[in-house]
Amino acid sequence: MKRTDATLIFATLSIVVFAATVACPPASDSRRGDALTLSPVGSSGDVATQTLEPQDLATNPLRATFALYPTELAFGDAAYYTLDVENVSDFAAYFDEDAALRALNESSLSRYVARVAATVDGVPSEYVAAPELATLFVRAPSEEPQPSTLQPINDATSSGMGGSVDGLRLKPGVKTRRVASALEFPPLEDWNDPFWRAVRDKLSIQSSVELRLRFELRLPSKVSGARETPILQPQAPDAPTTVVEQTLVLKRRDVKELATVDTWFEATPPDAFPVCSDDGTWKGPRFYRRDEGPQPTFISLDGASYRADAFTRIGARKPTLVDAPTTVDGWRRLEAEFAPSTLRDEITLTRLQLEYYDASEGEESDAALEALVDWFKTRPEPQRAAWLFSFRLRALHFFKNPLEAKRAPLYKELTSASENATAAGDDAE
């Protein structure tokens, strides 16, 4: 039985605006406008890159770089994006941010990304996607390595600022990543929403459509301090946002693959999809308590069972966690059903992790780890960064379980394989 639009609205996940129909309210009503000069600098392969140059180093010493991959994708695929900032002045910049923002995490995503909207010619209105968090309640343990160039500052490092500052210092010439995330076009919870039904109808009679994306970003600006020691913080919700626009080519997906995703959508209860915050600033997974709502699939490895979301990127709900395969062989078969695409990449990443964790210690395990890392290195940096971000936040799934020891070298190898937009640790204090 097909779900009604009312059921989709009840799911409350991403927003689609059709007259008064709102599934998840916009993150903010911030004024539109370009706070920085936008200068496209070309692309590398299928990665589109844009730079945002500071207009006045005394007000904002940071150059921002936005990257997105891929620029061509199939209906239902994910796209990955990063936002890096670099201190291009000759003096240190201080971030006046709370502890939650001292490393790349879900708080930085909701603080820096104000709104993401998509439009297609001939399709009414727009689709607005609330930035999606990798987790709502699960945090990486304090001992988890933090691949960030930003470190807390204290009296010893804040000389010239009149005492200590509750923030972070970024030295001249150092770059750090503030956002690494993904968007799906569409996510499974919005598979039958009006906007995407209209897009799918167009793709039934033509091979592709142009999907125009508009990212509204809140970039740091000076709030106090002398020129030699600027103190920066993300813009307030009511401040003009910096706009980055990017056009993607969205292609028709194979009929059999579409049918498979249709089956996943129909099989997934509405309350198994992500939940949207009351203020519309983010959405995230519902599976945070074992005694609430539909329970996720458990995967069998060496006689033990583990939640499927320990091995998937949150947001990769194709299949949803209630429909996911329960064995390594099941993930291999699922991978074989899809042509090369970012949807298949998500499945491949899960399959490779499961093969590594399922491998016997010694040569078999070493070979599985090498295969995973080698494949990971072939992927473009925005994709690697989004996966690594989510992977780090999955740490508590492995806390004091039999897989914990094998996860540590895997995390170390994947971190070293990602550019991570960082420099030597001595460059930031």
Protein backbone atom coordinates (compact mmCIF):
# COMPACT_ATOMS: atom_id res chain seq x y z
CA MET A 1 0.00 0.00 0.00
CA LYS A 2 1.42 3.40 -0.97
CA ARG A 3 2.01 5.97 1.72
CA THR A 4 -0.03 9.15 1.63
CA ASP A 5 1.45 12.63 1.63
CA ALA A 6 0.16 12.99 5.18
CA THR A 7 2.31 10.07 6.24
CA LEU A 8 5.32 11.70 4.62
CA ILE A 9 4.64 14.92 6.48
CA PHE A 10 4.38 12.92 9.69
CA ALA A 11 7.88 11.59 9.02
CA THR A 12 9.15 15.21 9.27
CA LEU A 13 12.59 14.92 7.82
CA SER A 14 13.69 17.24 4.97
CA ILE A 15 11.66 20.17 3.80
CA VAL A 16 9.72 20.53 0.61
CA VAL A 17 7.75 23.72 0.14
CA PHE A 18 4.52 23.35 -1.85
CA ALA A 19 2.07 26.07 -0.86
CA ALA A 20 1.57 25.40 2.87
CA THR A 21 3.07 21.90 2.85
CA VAL A 22 6.17 21.86 5.04
CA ALA A 23 7.77 18.62 6.18
CA CYS A 24 10.58 20.24 8.14
CA PRO A 25 10.72 24.03 8.69
CA PRO A 26 13.63 26.06 7.32
CA ALA A 27 16.67 26.41 9.52
CA SER A 28 16.27 30.17 9.68
CA ASP A 29 14.80 33.18 7.94
CA SER A 30 18.21 34.85 7.72
CA ARG A 31 18.62 37.69 5.27
CA ARG A 32 20.12 36.66 1.96
CA GLY A 33 23.30 38.22 0.72
CA ASP A 34 26.95 37.64 -0.15
CA ALA A 35 29.05 38.49 2.87
CA LEU A 36 32.24 37.62 0.97
CA THR A 37 33.44 37.85 -2.61
CA LEU A 38 32.89 34.53 -4.39
CA SER A 39 35.54 33.45 -6.88
CA PRO A 40 35.14 30.10 -8.68
CA VAL A 41 38.54 28.47 -9.13
CA GLY A 42 37.56 25.56 -11.34
CA SER A 43 37.22 21.91 -10.47
CA SER A 44 39.33 18.82 -10.11
CA GLY A 45 37.75 15.92 -11.97
CA ASP A 46 34.26 15.56 -10.61
CA VAL A 47 34.93 17.79 -7.58
CA ALA A 48 33.60 21.35 -7.86
CA THR A 49 35.55 23.88 -5.80
CA GLN A 50 34.83 27.53 -5.00
CA THR A 51 36.77 30.02 -2.89
CA LEU A 52 35.42 32.87 -0.83
CA GLU A 53 38.01 35.58 -0.37
CA PRO A 54 37.94 37.94 2.62
CA GLN A 55 37.21 41.54 1.71
CA ASP A 56 39.03 43.00 4.73
CA LEU A 57 41.67 41.06 6.64
CA ALA A 58 41.15 43.22 9.69
CA THR A 59 37.51 42.11 9.85
CA ASN A 60 37.93 38.54 8.66
CA PRO A 61 41.36 37.01 7.98
CA LEU A 62 39.90 33.75 6.69
CA ARG A 63 39.70 32.42 3.14
CA ALA A 64 36.91 29.84 2.86
CA THR A 65 36.97 26.94 0.40
CA PHE A 66 33.81 25.04 -0.48
CA ALA A 67 34.11 21.70 -2.30
CA LEU A 68 31.39 19.35 -3.53
CA TYR A 69 31.48 15.89 -5.13
CA PRO A 70 30.15 14.68 -7.53
CA THR A 71 28.81 17.15 -10.09
CA GLU A 72 26.97 14.34 -11.88
CA LEU A 73 24.95 11.75 -10.01
CA ALA A 74 22.00 9.40 -10.41
CA PHE A 75 18.58 9.92 -8.85
CA GLY A 76 18.83 8.84 -5.22
CA ASP A 77 22.61 9.32 -4.96
CA ALA A 78 24.45 11.25 -2.26
CA ALA A 79 26.65 14.30 -2.80
CA TYR A 80 29.39 15.23 -0.33
CA TYR A 81 30.62 18.67 0.62
CA THR A 82 33.28 20.31 2.79
CA LEU A 83 33.94 23.80 4.07
CA ASP A 84 37.53 24.69 4.99
CA VAL A 85 38.87 27.98 6.33
CA GLU A 86 42.45 29.23 6.07
CA ASN A 87 44.09 32.10 7.90
CA VAL A 88 45.53 34.18 5.04
CA SER A 89 46.66 37.08 7.26
CA ASP A 90 50.04 37.49 8.92
CA PHE A 91 48.62 37.34 12.44
CA ALA A 92 46.87 34.68 14.49
CA ALA A 93 43.06 34.49 14.46
CA TYR A 94 41.11 33.45 17.51
CA PHE A 95 37.83 31.56 17.33
CA ASP A 96 35.44 32.50 20.13
CA GLU A 97 33.62 29.16 20.14
CA ASP A 98 32.35 26.88 22.85
CA ALA A 99 33.94 23.52 23.58
CA ALA A 100 31.55 21.67 21.28
CA LEU A 101 33.04 23.48 18.29
CA ARG A 102 36.69 22.85 19.08
CA ALA A 103 36.77 19.89 16.70
CA LEU A 104 34.83 18.96 13.61
CA ASN A 105 31.51 17.60 14.85
CA GLU A 106 27.76 17.87 14.48
CA SER A 107 27.61 21.22 16.29
CA SER A 108 29.88 22.84 13.70
CA LEU A 109 27.59 21.63 10.90
CA SER A 110 24.50 23.25 12.40
CA ARG A 111 26.42 26.44 13.20
CA TYR A 112 27.99 26.96 9.77
CA VAL A 113 25.31 25.70 7.34
CA ALA A 114 22.18 27.84 7.54
CA ARG A 115 20.20 26.51 4.60
CA VAL A 116 20.50 24.28 1.52
CA ALA A 117 17.91 24.57 -1.25
CA ALA A 118 17.51 22.84 -4.63
CA THR A 119 15.51 23.86 -7.71
CA VAL A 120 14.86 22.27 -11.10
CA ASP A 121 13.40 24.03 -14.16
CA GLY A 122 9.75 23.11 -14.63
CA VAL A 123 9.33 21.86 -11.04
CA PRO A 124 7.29 24.09 -8.73
CA SER A 125 8.95 25.78 -5.75
CA GLU A 126 12.10 24.37 -4.18
CA TYR A 127 13.35 21.54 -2.01
CA VAL A 128 15.06 22.62 1.21
CA ALA A 129 17.22 20.13 3.05
CA ALA A 130 17.89 20.59 6.73
CA PRO A 131 21.58 19.91 7.43
CA GLU A 132 21.81 16.35 8.71
CA LEU A 133 23.76 15.40 11.79
CA ALA A 134 25.62 12.11 12.03
CA THR A 135 24.29 11.55 15.52
CA LEU A 136 22.05 13.19 18.09
CA PHE A 137 23.34 11.78 21.35
CA VAL A 138 26.38 9.60 20.64
CA ARG A 139 29.70 11.39 21.09
CA ALA A 140 33.16 10.09 20.35
CA PRO A 141 35.07 9.17 23.54
CA SER A 142 37.50 11.78 24.79
CA GLU A 143 40.43 9.51 23.95
CA GLU A 144 39.39 9.35 20.28
CA PRO A 145 42.03 11.14 18.17
CA GLN A 146 40.76 14.54 17.00
CA PRO A 147 42.10 15.33 13.49
CA SER A 148 41.89 19.10 13.95
CA THR A 149 44.47 21.86 13.82
CA LEU A 150 42.50 23.80 16.41
CA GLN A 151 43.37 23.39 20.07
CA PRO A 152 42.15 25.19 23.22
CA ILE A 153 44.19 28.25 24.09
CA ASN A 154 45.19 29.39 27.57
CA ASP A 155 47.15 32.15 29.27
CA ALA A 156 50.39 30.85 27.82
CA THR A 157 49.16 31.02 24.22
CA SER A 158 46.97 34.14 24.45
CA SER A 159 49.72 36.69 25.06
CA GLY A 160 48.72 40.12 23.83
CA MET A 161 45.03 39.42 24.36
CA GLY A 162 44.87 40.60 27.95
CA GLY A 163 44.47 37.18 29.49
CA SER A 164 42.98 33.85 28.55
CA VAL A 165 40.24 33.44 25.96
CA ASP A 166 37.70 30.63 25.84
CA GLY A 167 38.39 29.76 22.25
CA LEU A 168 40.89 28.52 19.67
CA ARG A 169 43.83 29.99 17.83
CA LEU A 170 44.59 29.52 14.14
CA LYS A 171 48.09 30.60 13.12
CA PRO A 172 48.84 32.37 9.80
CA GLY A 173 48.81 30.05 6.80
CA VAL A 174 46.98 27.24 8.60
CA LYS A 175 43.80 25.69 7.20
CA THR A 176 41.19 23.76 9.12
CA ARG A 177 37.96 22.00 8.21
CA ARG A 178 34.71 23.25 9.73
CA VAL A 179 32.13 21.15 7.83
CA ALA A 180 32.15 17.71 6.18
CA SER A 181 28.73 16.33 5.34
CA ALA A 182 26.47 14.75 2.72
CA LEU A 183 23.10 15.33 1.09
CA GLU A 184 20.98 12.78 -0.76
CA PHE A 185 18.93 13.62 -3.86
CA PRO A 186 16.52 12.58 -2.58
CA PRO A 187 16.89 10.93 0.83
CA LEU A 188 14.68 7.88 1.19
CA GLU A 189 12.26 9.57 3.60
CA ASP A 190 11.42 12.08 0.84
CA TRP A 191 11.35 9.52 -1.96
CA ASN A 192 7.71 10.26 -2.85
CA ASP A 193 7.48 13.93 -1.87
CA PRO A 194 5.91 16.20 -4.53
CA PHE A 195 9.15 17.89 -5.57
CA TRP A 196 10.97 14.62 -6.14
CA ARG A 197 7.97 12.95 -7.81
CA ALA A 198 8.00 15.81 -10.29
CA VAL A 199 11.75 15.39 -10.86
CA ARG A 200 11.32 11.65 -11.32
CA ASP A 201 8.53 12.27 -13.86
CA LYS A 202 10.89 14.50 -15.86
CA LEU A 203 13.56 11.81 -15.75
CA SER A 204 11.10 9.29 -17.17
CA ILE A 205 11.08 11.24 -20.46
CA GLN A 206 14.62 12.68 -20.46
CA SER A 207 17.98 11.30 -19.42
CA SER A 208 18.95 14.06 -16.97
CA VAL A 209 17.95 17.34 -15.33
CA GLU A 210 19.94 20.24 -13.94
CA LEU A 211 19.71 20.48 -10.16
CA ARG A 212 20.68 23.94 -8.91
CA LEU A 213 21.87 24.01 -5.31
CA ARG A 214 22.09 27.08 -3.10
CA PHE A 215 24.13 26.76 0.09
CA GLU A 216 23.71 29.57 2.62
CA LEU A 217 26.70 29.56 4.94
CA ARG A 218 27.41 31.38 8.18
CA LEU A 219 31.13 32.15 8.07
CA PRO A 220 33.17 33.51 10.99
CA SER A 221 33.45 37.29 11.37
CA LYS A 222 35.23 39.59 13.78
CA VAL A 223 33.35 40.33 16.98
CA SER A 224 35.98 42.04 19.16
CA GLY A 225 39.68 42.55 19.72
CA ALA A 226 42.43 44.56 18.12
CA ARG A 227 43.58 43.96 14.55
CA GLU A 228 46.60 42.00 15.77
CA THR A 229 44.35 39.59 17.66
CA PRO A 230 40.96 39.33 15.89
CA ILE A 231 38.38 37.22 17.68
CA LEU A 232 36.01 35.41 15.32
CA GLN A 233 32.75 33.55 15.72
CA PRO A 234 30.13 32.13 13.31
CA GLN A 235 27.62 34.71 12.15
CA ALA A 236 24.42 35.10 14.12
CA PRO A 237 21.27 33.44 12.73
CA ASP A 238 19.87 36.81 11.59
CA ALA A 239 23.06 37.97 9.84
CA PRO A 240 23.40 37.98 6.03
CA THR A 241 24.59 34.60 4.85
CA THR A 242 27.34 33.85 2.34
CA VAL A 243 25.80 32.12 -0.68
CA VAL A 244 27.47 29.38 -2.71
CA GLU A 245 25.63 28.10 -5.79
CA GLN A 246 26.42 24.90 -7.65
CA THR A 247 24.67 23.12 -10.53
CA LEU A 248 24.58 19.32 -10.56
CA VAL A 249 23.48 16.98 -13.35
CA LEU A 250 20.96 14.52 -11.94
CA LYS A 251 20.63 11.48 -14.19
CA ARG A 252 17.97 8.83 -14.62
CA ARG A 253 18.57 5.73 -12.50
CA ASP A 254 18.27 2.19 -13.84
CA VAL A 255 14.70 0.90 -13.63
CA LYS A 256 15.64 -2.18 -11.60
CA GLU A 257 17.61 -0.08 -9.13
CA LEU A 258 14.69 2.32 -8.77
CA ALA A 259 12.40 -0.61 -8.08
CA THR A 260 14.75 -1.83 -5.35
CA VAL A 261 14.74 1.58 -3.65
CA ASP A 262 10.94 1.73 -4.03
CA THR A 263 10.79 -1.55 -2.11
CA TRP A 264 12.97 -0.15 0.68
CA PHE A 265 10.73 2.89 0.99
CA GLU A 266 7.55 0.84 1.15
CA ALA A 267 9.05 -1.55 3.71
CA THR A 268 10.23 1.18 6.08
CA PRO A 269 7.83 2.41 8.79
CA PRO A 270 7.63 6.22 9.00
CA ASP A 271 9.02 6.30 12.53
CA ALA A 272 12.20 4.55 11.36
CA PHE A 273 13.21 7.64 9.37
CA PRO A 274 15.24 10.52 10.89
CA VAL A 275 13.62 13.14 13.08
CA CYS A 276 13.75 16.88 12.48
CA SER A 277 14.44 19.36 15.28
CA ASP A 278 11.61 21.60 16.42
CA ASP A 279 13.31 24.69 15.03
CA GLY A 280 14.27 23.00 11.74
CA THR A 281 18.00 23.57 12.19
CA TRP A 282 18.93 19.90 11.75
CA LYS A 283 17.67 16.36 11.41
CA GLY A 284 19.21 13.20 12.76
CA PRO A 285 18.71 9.48 13.43
CA ARG A 286 15.97 8.16 15.69
CA PHE A 287 17.88 5.07 16.78
CA TYR A 288 19.33 6.37 20.01
CA ARG A 289 17.52 4.12 22.52
CA ARG A 290 17.01 0.40 22.23
CA ASP A 291 13.55 0.56 23.81
CA GLU A 292 12.07 3.19 21.51
CA GLY A 293 10.72 2.80 17.99
CA PRO A 294 11.66 0.28 15.29
CA GLN A 295 14.92 -1.45 16.08
CA PRO A 296 17.76 -1.45 13.53
CA THR A 297 19.07 -4.52 11.79
CA PHE A 298 21.75 -6.46 13.66
CA ILE A 299 24.64 -7.89 11.65
CA SER A 300 26.23 -11.20 12.65
CA LEU A 301 30.05 -11.29 12.86
CA ASP A 302 31.96 -14.18 14.40
CA GLY A 303 29.05 -15.29 16.55
CA ALA A 304 28.17 -11.81 17.84
CA SER A 305 25.59 -9.28 16.66
CA TYR A 306 26.18 -5.58 16.00
CA ARG A 307 23.85 -2.76 15.03
CA ALA A 308 24.01 -2.05 11.31
CA ASP A 309 24.49 1.67 11.94
CA ALA A 310 27.88 0.93 13.50
CA PHE A 311 29.10 0.32 9.92
CA THR A 312 27.09 2.79 7.82
CA ARG A 313 27.20 6.53 7.36
CA ILE A 314 24.17 7.97 9.11
CA GLY A 315 22.15 9.42 6.27
CA ALA A 316 22.82 6.44 4.00
CA ARG A 317 19.32 5.10 4.37
CA LYS A 318 19.39 3.06 1.19
CA PRO A 319 18.64 0.59 2.57
CA THR A 320 17.27 1.91 5.82
CA LEU A 321 18.63 0.27 8.92
CA VAL A 322 15.47 -1.78 9.35
CA ASP A 323 15.96 -3.25 5.84
CA ALA A 324 19.72 -3.73 5.85
CA PRO A 325 21.32 -7.13 5.12
CA THR A 326 22.25 -9.09 8.23
CA THR A 327 25.40 -10.83 6.92
CA VAL A 328 28.57 -9.97 5.03
CA ASP A 329 27.37 -12.05 2.08
CA GLY A 330 24.12 -10.10 2.08
CA TRP A 331 26.01 -6.83 1.68
CA ARG A 332 28.08 -8.35 -1.14
CA ARG A 333 24.92 -9.35 -2.99
CA LEU A 334 23.39 -5.92 -2.45
CA GLU A 335 26.48 -4.20 -3.81
CA ALA A 336 26.31 -6.30 -6.97
CA GLU A 337 22.77 -5.07 -7.68
CA PHE A 338 23.89 -1.47 -8.32
CA ALA A 339 25.91 0.18 -11.05
CA PRO A 340 28.81 2.48 -10.07
CA SER A 341 27.35 5.43 -8.15
CA THR A 342 27.67 7.08 -4.78
CA LEU A 343 24.75 4.95 -3.58
CA ARG A 344 26.82 1.88 -4.37
CA ASP A 345 29.88 3.53 -2.80
CA GLU A 346 28.00 3.70 0.50
CA ILE A 347 27.24 -0.03 0.26
CA THR A 348 30.84 -0.80 -0.72
CA LEU A 349 32.19 1.06 2.31
CA THR A 350 29.96 -0.98 4.63
CA ARG A 351 30.87 -4.25 2.88
CA LEU A 352 34.60 -3.56 3.15
CA GLN A 353 34.32 -2.74 6.86
CA LEU A 354 32.38 -5.93 7.53
CA GLU A 355 34.94 -8.03 5.63
CA TYR A 356 37.71 -6.48 7.72
CA TYR A 357 35.96 -7.06 11.05
CA ASP A 358 34.98 -10.58 10.01
CA ALA A 359 38.50 -11.56 8.91
CA SER A 360 40.67 -13.82 11.04
CA GLU A 361 43.57 -12.15 12.82
CA GLY A 362 46.82 -12.17 10.90
CA GLU A 363 47.30 -12.15 7.13
CA GLU A 364 43.59 -12.32 6.34
CA SER A 365 42.81 -9.31 8.53
CA ASP A 366 45.82 -7.36 7.21
CA ALA A 367 44.74 -7.98 3.61
CA ALA A 368 41.16 -6.88 4.35
CA LEU A 369 42.41 -3.70 6.01
CA GLU A 370 44.69 -2.94 3.06
CA ALA A 371 41.82 -3.47 0.60
CA LEU A 372 39.57 -1.08 2.51
CA VAL A 373 42.20 1.63 2.86
CA ASP A 374 43.33 1.33 -0.77
CA TRP A 375 39.75 1.75 -1.98
CA PHE A 376 39.15 4.64 0.43
CA LYS A 377 42.20 6.44 -1.00
CA THR A 378 40.70 6.31 -4.51
CA ARG A 379 37.68 8.34 -3.45
CA PRO A 380 37.58 12.15 -3.80
CA GLU A 381 38.33 14.15 -0.67
CA PRO A 382 34.79 15.51 0.01
CA GLN A 383 33.51 11.93 0.03
CA ARG A 384 36.34 10.69 2.25
CA ALA A 385 35.85 13.62 4.63
CA ALA A 386 32.12 13.02 5.08
CA TRP A 387 32.71 9.33 5.71
CA LEU A 388 35.53 10.01 8.17
CA PHE A 389 33.38 12.53 10.04
CA SER A 390 30.60 9.99 10.50
CA PHE A 391 33.06 7.17 11.16
CA ARG A 392 34.61 9.07 14.05
CA LEU A 393 31.21 9.67 15.61
CA ARG A 394 30.43 5.96 15.50
CA ALA A 395 33.14 5.28 18.09
CA LEU A 396 30.81 4.48 20.97
CA HIS A 397 29.28 1.62 18.99
CA PHE A 398 32.62 -0.15 19.49
CA PHE A 399 33.30 0.83 23.08
CA LYS A 400 34.41 -2.26 25.05
CA ASN A 401 33.12 -4.74 22.46
CA PRO A 402 35.17 -7.41 20.61
CA LEU A 403 35.68 -5.17 17.57
CA GLU A 404 37.19 -2.24 19.46
CA ALA A 405 40.80 -3.36 19.02
CA LYS A 406 40.38 -3.76 15.25
CA ARG A 407 38.69 -0.38 14.90
CA ALA A 408 41.69 1.58 16.23
CA PRO A 409 44.13 0.76 13.37
CA LEU A 410 41.33 1.20 10.82
CA TYR A 411 40.52 4.69 12.10
CA LYS A 412 44.20 5.61 12.09
CA GLU A 413 44.68 4.43 8.50
CA LEU A 414 41.56 6.21 7.21
CA THR A 415 42.51 9.43 8.96
CA SER A 416 45.97 9.38 7.38
CA ALA A 417 44.38 8.78 3.96
CA SER A 418 42.26 11.94 4.18
CA GLU A 419 43.74 15.35 3.47
CA ASN A 420 41.60 16.62 6.33
CA ALA A 421 42.54 20.20 5.50
CA THR A 422 45.09 20.31 8.30
CA ALA A 423 48.72 21.20 8.65
CA ALA A 424 51.29 20.26 11.26
CA GLY A 425 50.02 20.36 14.80
CA ASP A 426 52.62 22.98 15.73
CA ASP A 427 50.85 25.49 13.49
CA ALA A 428 47.82 25.75 15.75
CA GLU A 429 47.57 26.12 19.47
